Amino acid sequence: MIAGGMVVPNLITSCGGGSAKYLGLQLYSLRDMVRDEGIRKVLETVSKMGYNSLETASYNNGKLYGENPGDLKKMVDDLGMKLTSSHLSRNISGDHDADLAWWNKAVDAHNEAGMKYMIMPSAPLGNDGATYDNIKRYGDYFNEIGLITAGASIQFGYHNHAFEFENKVDGVPVYDILVENTSPNHVLFQLDVYWIKKGGYEPVDYMKKYPKRIKVLHIKDGTAIGAENTVSYKDVFDQAYANGVKDWYVEVETEAEVAKADVQKSADYLLKADFVK
């Protein structure tokens, strides 16, 4: 990754596909379409929209969307896109060896798929879990996972919701405690710019606070990107370029009947935006 603070012009560039710009998508956005029409149809659809970097959200027992990782990679590559990131999750179970074995198997699958990132989308760190000891326990766990993924040249990270900012220990947000209790060499953070805003903080402030730790973004709004402008996206992208962020993913969480349209609207907005390179 490029070191934080370095301004690199045109760092976010095309991975392939029909767009001259980098345009990432978290495939969770079209989860209902995946269920109803299958992953191949979804991939064909998002390729035509201009997306070219994909983040998956369906890992299970060595497979992604029920496909062998190499087969899914070929489907994506053939459409001019790249698989670059994945959301997958296993919380601390009490059986440490089993937990690490699960992650080792997952790394093998994601390495075959050619992933750059493996991202934990959430952890039990809110409400009753928002204690220093529990946050430290998960920080140690994340460090171990990051060591495993590093062996395959994959970076491990954590994705936030609002609760990591709403919940505090001695006045300090859970998010900050987790950052301070994880290794900068083995754990990165994927900042969801919508959820941090809902948690009461500004995404750009945290991007400036942790320029070397926040290396991936989720670009999100209440519906389609740009429809509500909950977040100042120009400020977010300006800071992302300044920090050397390479990868970001649109995520739409609207319901099935409008999700496809919102994913299209998000692509249209970002492709036209002069602040996106």
Protein backbone atom coordinates (compact mmCIF):
# COMPACT_ATOMS: atom_id res chain seq x y z
CA MET A 1 0.00 0.00 0.00
CA ILE A 2 1.07 3.59 -0.53
CA ALA A 3 2.03 5.31 2.71
CA GLY A 4 -0.52 7.66 4.26
CA GLY A 5 -0.15 11.34 3.56
CA MET A 6 1.40 10.95 0.12
CA VAL A 7 -0.56 12.63 -2.64
CA VAL A 8 -0.58 10.36 -5.68
CA PRO A 9 -2.45 11.70 -8.72
CA ASN A 10 -4.79 9.31 -10.46
CA LEU A 11 -4.03 6.51 -7.99
CA ILE A 12 -7.49 5.04 -8.20
CA THR A 13 -7.49 3.65 -11.71
CA SER A 14 -9.37 1.15 -13.78
CA CYS A 15 -9.14 -2.57 -13.05
CA GLY A 16 -10.77 -3.49 -16.35
CA GLY A 17 -14.36 -3.64 -17.52
CA GLY A 18 -16.02 -0.93 -19.55
CA SER A 19 -15.24 2.00 -17.25
CA ALA A 20 -12.22 4.31 -17.63
CA LYS A 21 -12.44 4.81 -13.88
CA TYR A 22 -12.02 2.42 -11.01
CA LEU A 23 -15.53 1.52 -9.85
CA GLY A 24 -15.87 -0.98 -7.01
CA LEU A 25 -18.98 -2.80 -5.82
CA GLN A 26 -19.78 -4.87 -2.75
CA LEU A 27 -21.91 -7.68 -4.21
CA TYR A 28 -23.99 -7.81 -1.02
CA SER A 29 -25.80 -4.91 -2.69
CA LEU A 30 -27.46 -7.41 -5.05
CA ARG A 31 -27.89 -10.28 -2.60
CA ASP A 32 -31.51 -10.90 -3.59
CA MET A 33 -30.63 -10.96 -7.28
CA VAL A 34 -27.83 -13.43 -6.51
CA ARG A 35 -30.35 -15.65 -4.75
CA ASP A 36 -32.99 -15.42 -7.48
CA GLU A 37 -30.91 -15.31 -10.67
CA GLY A 38 -27.50 -16.64 -9.71
CA ILE A 39 -24.07 -15.11 -9.45
CA ARG A 40 -23.23 -15.34 -13.17
CA LYS A 41 -26.21 -13.16 -14.11
CA VAL A 42 -25.28 -10.64 -11.43
CA LEU A 43 -21.70 -10.46 -12.67
CA GLU A 44 -22.86 -9.87 -16.25
CA THR A 45 -25.22 -7.13 -15.03
CA VAL A 46 -22.69 -5.18 -12.94
CA SER A 47 -20.05 -5.41 -15.64
CA LYS A 48 -22.43 -3.64 -18.05
CA MET A 49 -23.03 -0.94 -15.42
CA GLY A 50 -19.32 -0.11 -15.40
CA TYR A 51 -18.16 -1.78 -12.19
CA ASN A 52 -14.73 -3.36 -12.46
CA SER A 53 -13.56 -4.21 -8.93
CA LEU A 54 -15.67 -6.56 -6.84
CA GLU A 55 -16.01 -7.39 -3.16
CA THR A 56 -17.77 -10.66 -2.38
CA ALA A 57 -20.03 -11.49 0.56
CA SER A 58 -20.67 -15.23 0.30
CA TYR A 59 -17.82 -17.42 1.55
CA ASN A 60 -18.65 -20.87 2.88
CA ASN A 61 -16.46 -23.93 3.33
CA GLY A 62 -13.92 -23.10 0.66
CA LYS A 63 -16.35 -21.74 -1.91
CA LEU A 64 -17.56 -18.30 -2.99
CA TYR A 65 -21.20 -18.08 -4.03
CA GLY A 66 -21.14 -21.87 -4.18
CA GLU A 67 -18.40 -21.76 -6.83
CA ASN A 68 -14.85 -23.00 -6.67
CA PRO A 69 -12.74 -19.84 -6.20
CA GLY A 70 -10.77 -20.36 -9.39
CA ASP A 71 -13.96 -20.79 -11.40
CA LEU A 72 -15.46 -17.61 -10.00
CA LYS A 73 -12.24 -15.75 -10.71
CA LYS A 74 -12.39 -16.87 -14.34
CA MET A 75 -16.01 -15.73 -14.66
CA VAL A 76 -15.06 -12.30 -13.34
CA ASP A 77 -11.86 -12.02 -15.35
CA ASP A 78 -13.67 -12.98 -18.55
CA LEU A 79 -16.02 -10.02 -18.00
CA GLY A 80 -13.10 -7.62 -17.65
CA MET A 81 -13.44 -7.23 -13.88
CA LYS A 82 -11.34 -8.27 -10.87
CA LEU A 83 -12.12 -9.95 -7.58
CA THR A 84 -10.25 -7.81 -5.08
CA SER A 85 -11.92 -8.16 -1.68
CA SER A 86 -14.19 -10.39 0.38
CA HIS A 87 -16.35 -10.06 3.46
CA LEU A 88 -16.30 -13.17 5.64
CA SER A 89 -16.70 -13.78 9.32
CA ARG A 90 -15.91 -16.15 12.14
CA ASN A 91 -16.18 -14.79 15.67
CA ILE A 92 -14.15 -16.17 18.56
CA SER A 93 -15.76 -19.53 19.33
CA GLY A 94 -13.82 -20.71 22.36
CA ASP A 95 -12.00 -23.32 20.27
CA HIS A 96 -8.89 -21.41 19.24
CA ASP A 97 -7.44 -24.14 17.04
CA ALA A 98 -10.73 -24.54 15.17
CA ASP A 99 -10.99 -20.79 14.65
CA LEU A 100 -7.52 -20.55 13.13
CA ALA A 101 -8.08 -23.68 11.02
CA TRP A 102 -11.21 -22.04 9.60
CA TRP A 103 -9.22 -18.96 8.62
CA ASN A 104 -6.40 -21.03 7.12
CA LYS A 105 -8.88 -22.79 4.84
CA ALA A 106 -10.48 -19.46 3.94
CA VAL A 107 -7.09 -18.01 3.02
CA ASP A 108 -6.44 -20.87 0.61
CA ALA A 109 -9.76 -20.19 -1.14
CA HIS A 110 -9.26 -16.44 -1.32
CA ASN A 111 -5.71 -16.83 -2.55
CA GLU A 112 -7.01 -19.01 -5.40
CA ALA A 113 -9.56 -16.29 -6.20
CA GLY A 114 -6.79 -13.68 -6.37
CA MET A 115 -8.11 -11.51 -3.54
CA LYS A 116 -6.17 -8.59 -2.11
CA TYR A 117 -8.28 -8.22 1.04
CA MET A 118 -10.20 -10.40 3.47
CA ILE A 119 -12.47 -8.19 5.57
CA MET A 120 -14.35 -9.08 8.76
CA PRO A 121 -17.67 -7.22 8.35
CA SER A 122 -18.57 -7.02 12.04
CA ALA A 123 -17.73 -8.40 15.49
CA PRO A 124 -19.53 -8.48 18.87
CA LEU A 125 -18.04 -5.22 20.10
CA GLY A 126 -21.21 -3.25 20.83
CA ASN A 127 -23.36 -3.02 23.96
CA ASP A 128 -22.26 -5.83 26.33
CA GLY A 129 -19.21 -6.51 24.15
CA ALA A 130 -17.95 -2.94 24.42
CA THR A 131 -15.48 -3.61 27.22
CA TYR A 132 -11.76 -2.99 27.01
CA ASP A 133 -10.96 -6.64 27.69
CA ASN A 134 -13.26 -7.87 24.91
CA ILE A 135 -11.99 -5.31 22.42
CA LYS A 136 -8.39 -6.29 23.29
CA ARG A 137 -9.32 -9.97 22.90
CA TYR A 138 -10.63 -9.32 19.41
CA GLY A 139 -7.62 -7.16 18.60
CA ASP A 140 -5.35 -10.08 19.45
CA TYR A 141 -7.54 -12.40 17.35
CA PHE A 142 -7.40 -10.03 14.39
CA ASN A 143 -3.61 -9.87 14.69
CA GLU A 144 -3.43 -13.66 14.43
CA ILE A 145 -5.72 -13.72 11.41
CA GLY A 146 -3.65 -10.99 9.78
CA LEU A 147 -0.51 -13.07 10.20
CA ILE A 148 -2.23 -15.98 8.46
CA THR A 149 -3.49 -13.88 5.54
CA ALA A 150 -0.10 -12.19 5.15
CA GLY A 151 1.38 -15.58 4.31
CA ALA A 152 -0.68 -15.47 1.11
CA SER A 153 0.01 -11.76 0.50
CA ILE A 154 -3.60 -10.94 1.45
CA GLN A 155 -4.38 -8.09 3.83
CA PHE A 156 -6.85 -8.66 6.65
CA GLY A 157 -9.16 -5.89 7.77
CA TYR A 158 -12.21 -4.89 9.79
CA HIS A 159 -15.33 -3.06 8.56
CA ASN A 160 -17.31 -0.79 10.87
CA HIS A 161 -20.96 -0.10 11.50
CA ALA A 162 -22.29 2.72 13.66
CA PHE A 163 -21.96 0.89 16.99
CA GLU A 164 -18.15 1.07 17.07
CA PHE A 165 -18.55 4.84 17.38
CA GLU A 166 -21.72 4.96 19.47
CA ASN A 167 -20.28 2.61 22.12
CA LYS A 168 -17.42 3.96 24.21
CA VAL A 169 -15.13 2.83 27.02
CA ASP A 170 -14.14 5.68 29.34
CA GLY A 171 -15.28 8.10 26.67
CA VAL A 172 -13.20 6.52 23.89
CA PRO A 173 -15.04 4.96 20.92
CA VAL A 174 -14.67 1.21 20.49
CA TYR A 175 -13.23 1.90 17.02
CA ASP A 176 -10.26 3.85 18.39
CA ILE A 177 -9.52 1.21 21.00
CA LEU A 178 -9.57 -1.49 18.34
CA VAL A 179 -7.22 0.49 16.09
CA GLU A 180 -4.80 1.00 18.96
CA ASN A 181 -4.91 -2.69 19.91
CA THR A 182 -4.20 -4.16 16.48
CA SER A 183 -0.96 -4.41 14.57
CA PRO A 184 -0.52 -1.80 11.82
CA ASN A 185 1.44 -4.44 9.91
CA HIS A 186 -1.33 -7.03 9.97
CA VAL A 187 -4.73 -5.33 10.36
CA LEU A 188 -6.19 -2.60 8.18
CA PHE A 189 -9.55 -0.88 8.47
CA GLN A 190 -12.26 -0.55 5.86
CA LEU A 191 -14.11 2.63 6.75
CA ASP A 192 -17.81 2.63 5.94
CA VAL A 193 -18.35 6.34 5.39
CA TYR A 194 -22.11 6.14 5.89
CA TRP A 195 -22.06 4.18 9.14
CA ILE A 196 -19.42 6.35 10.79
CA LYS A 197 -21.59 9.36 9.98
CA LYS A 198 -24.58 7.62 11.56
CA GLY A 199 -22.38 6.89 14.58
CA GLY A 200 -21.84 10.60 15.10
CA TYR A 201 -18.45 11.22 13.49
CA GLU A 202 -17.12 12.56 10.21
CA PRO A 203 -15.39 10.07 7.88
CA VAL A 204 -12.77 12.56 6.74
CA ASP A 205 -11.78 13.32 10.35
CA TYR A 206 -11.04 9.63 10.92
CA MET A 207 -9.28 9.28 7.57
CA LYS A 208 -6.98 12.09 8.70
CA LYS A 209 -6.62 10.58 12.17
CA TYR A 210 -5.64 7.12 10.90
CA PRO A 211 -4.22 7.65 7.40
CA LYS A 212 -2.04 4.55 7.55
CA ARG A 213 -4.70 2.25 9.00
CA ILE A 214 -7.81 3.13 6.95
CA LYS A 215 -6.81 1.68 3.59
CA VAL A 216 -10.14 0.64 2.05
CA LEU A 217 -13.55 2.37 1.94
CA HIS A 218 -17.22 1.54 1.67
CA ILE A 219 -19.00 4.29 -0.25
CA LYS A 220 -22.62 4.30 0.87
CA ASP A 221 -25.70 6.47 1.27
CA GLY A 222 -29.20 5.82 2.56
CA THR A 223 -30.20 4.69 -0.93
CA ALA A 224 -28.22 5.26 -4.14
CA ILE A 225 -24.93 7.14 -3.88
CA GLY A 226 -25.60 10.84 -4.27
CA ALA A 227 -29.35 10.54 -3.71
CA GLU A 228 -29.33 11.80 -0.14
CA ASN A 229 -25.79 13.14 0.20
CA THR A 230 -25.55 12.00 3.80
CA VAL A 231 -21.80 12.22 3.33
CA SER A 232 -19.73 14.80 1.43
CA TYR A 233 -18.38 12.39 -1.17
CA LYS A 234 -16.06 14.93 -2.75
CA ASP A 235 -14.33 15.46 0.59
CA VAL A 236 -14.11 11.70 1.11
CA PHE A 237 -12.53 11.07 -2.29
CA ASP A 238 -10.16 14.01 -1.97
CA GLN A 239 -8.90 12.62 1.33
CA ALA A 240 -8.75 9.08 -0.06
CA TYR A 241 -6.43 10.20 -2.84
CA ALA A 242 -4.31 12.18 -0.38
CA ASN A 243 -3.98 9.08 1.84
CA GLY A 244 -3.11 6.76 -1.03
CA VAL A 245 -6.26 4.66 -0.77
CA LYS A 246 -6.38 2.23 -3.68
CA ASP A 247 -9.69 0.42 -3.30
CA TRP A 248 -13.26 1.37 -2.43
CA TYR A 249 -16.61 -0.32 -2.94
CA VAL A 250 -20.14 1.00 -3.40
CA GLU A 251 -22.56 -0.72 -1.06
CA VAL A 252 -26.32 -0.38 -1.44
CA GLU A 253 -28.55 -1.73 1.30
CA THR A 254 -31.96 -1.00 -0.18
CA GLU A 255 -34.52 -3.77 -0.67
CA ALA A 256 -34.70 -6.11 -3.64
CA GLU A 257 -37.22 -4.19 -5.71
CA VAL A 258 -35.03 -1.08 -5.91
CA ALA A 259 -31.52 -2.41 -5.22
CA LYS A 260 -30.59 -3.00 -8.87
CA ALA A 261 -31.74 0.50 -9.85
CA ASP A 262 -29.81 2.01 -6.93
CA VAL A 263 -26.65 0.13 -7.90
CA GLN A 264 -27.03 1.53 -11.43
CA LYS A 265 -27.70 5.06 -10.16
CA SER A 266 -24.64 4.84 -7.92
CA ALA A 267 -22.47 3.86 -10.88
CA ASP A 268 -23.88 6.67 -13.01
CA TYR A 269 -23.27 9.25 -10.27
CA LEU A 270 -19.69 8.20 -9.57
CA LEU A 271 -18.73 7.81 -13.23
CA LYS A 272 -19.91 11.37 -13.90
CA ALA A 273 -18.39 12.87 -10.73
CA ASP A 274 -15.28 14.89 -11.58
CA PHE A 275 -13.85 14.25 -8.10
CA VAL A 276 -13.61 10.50 -8.83
CA LYS A 277 -10.55 9.58 -10.88
